[in-house]
Amino acid sequence: MATKQLKVTLKKSVHGQIANIAQSVRGLGLRKRHQTVTVADTPEIRGLIRTARHLLAVQGE
C-alpha cells in the first residue's frame, strides 16, 4: 500500500521567525525559499506543517 504524499513549498523566509518554527521548516527538508519537497502524509509531518503553515504552501491534501 502506497502512503499518501504531500508537496510542501517554502513560500516565505524563516528569517526572523522563532526557533521552533525555523526548526520545523528545516525538519521538513526545506532550506531555501521556493524549494519544494515531497514528504509522506503522517501525523508527525502534519504537525511540522501546522507549526509553520504561514510560511508554506501544501499540495496533495
Protein backbone atom coordinates (compact mmCIF):
# COMPACT_ATOMS: atom_id res chain seq x y z
CA MET A 1 0.00 0.00 0.00
CA ALA A 2 1.43 3.34 -1.05
CA THR A 3 1.34 6.11 1.52
CA LYS A 4 -0.12 9.45 0.54
CA GLN A 5 2.44 12.12 -0.34
CA LEU A 6 2.34 15.89 0.21
CA LYS A 7 4.24 18.50 -1.78
CA VAL A 8 5.43 21.26 0.54
CA THR A 9 6.89 24.53 -0.76
CA LEU A 10 8.59 27.20 1.34
CA LYS A 11 6.96 30.47 0.22
CA LYS A 12 8.45 32.88 2.77
CA SER A 13 11.80 33.09 4.52
CA VAL A 14 12.31 31.76 8.04
CA HIS A 15 14.48 34.78 8.84
CA GLY A 16 13.13 36.47 11.95
CA GLN A 17 10.94 33.54 12.97
CA ILE A 18 11.21 31.95 16.40
CA ALA A 19 13.48 28.93 16.67
CA ASN A 20 10.84 26.18 16.77
CA ILE A 21 9.29 27.42 13.51
CA ALA A 22 12.66 27.54 11.75
CA GLN A 23 13.47 24.04 13.05
CA SER A 24 10.13 22.70 11.83
CA VAL A 25 10.82 24.02 8.33
CA ARG A 26 14.30 22.50 8.43
CA GLY A 27 12.80 19.21 9.67
CA LEU A 28 10.66 19.10 6.55
CA GLY A 29 13.85 19.27 4.48
CA LEU A 30 13.38 22.83 3.27
CA ARG A 31 16.38 25.15 3.15
CA LYS A 32 15.66 27.85 0.55
CA ARG A 33 12.63 29.89 -0.48
CA HIS A 34 10.58 28.38 -3.30
CA GLN A 35 12.13 24.95 -2.69
CA THR A 36 9.64 22.07 -2.89
CA VAL A 37 9.93 18.69 -1.19
CA THR A 38 7.69 15.64 -1.25
CA VAL A 39 7.00 14.12 2.16
CA ALA A 40 4.84 11.30 3.49
CA ASP A 41 1.46 12.29 4.91
CA THR A 42 1.89 11.29 8.55
CA PRO A 43 0.66 12.91 11.78
CA GLU A 44 4.23 13.94 12.62
CA ILE A 45 4.72 15.71 9.28
CA ARG A 46 1.30 17.36 9.61
CA GLY A 47 2.45 18.77 12.97
CA LEU A 48 5.58 20.26 11.41
CA ILE A 49 3.48 21.78 8.62
CA ARG A 50 0.96 23.19 11.11
CA THR A 51 3.75 24.91 13.07
CA ALA A 52 4.97 26.83 10.03
CA ARG A 53 1.75 26.99 7.99
CA HIS A 54 2.07 30.76 7.44
CA LEU A 55 5.34 30.18 5.53
CA LEU A 56 4.34 27.11 3.49
CA ALA A 57 2.17 26.05 0.58
CA VAL A 58 0.94 22.43 0.68
CA GLN A 59 -0.44 20.40 -2.24
CA GLY A 60 -1.96 16.94 -2.19
CA GLU A 61 -4.30 17.28 0.76
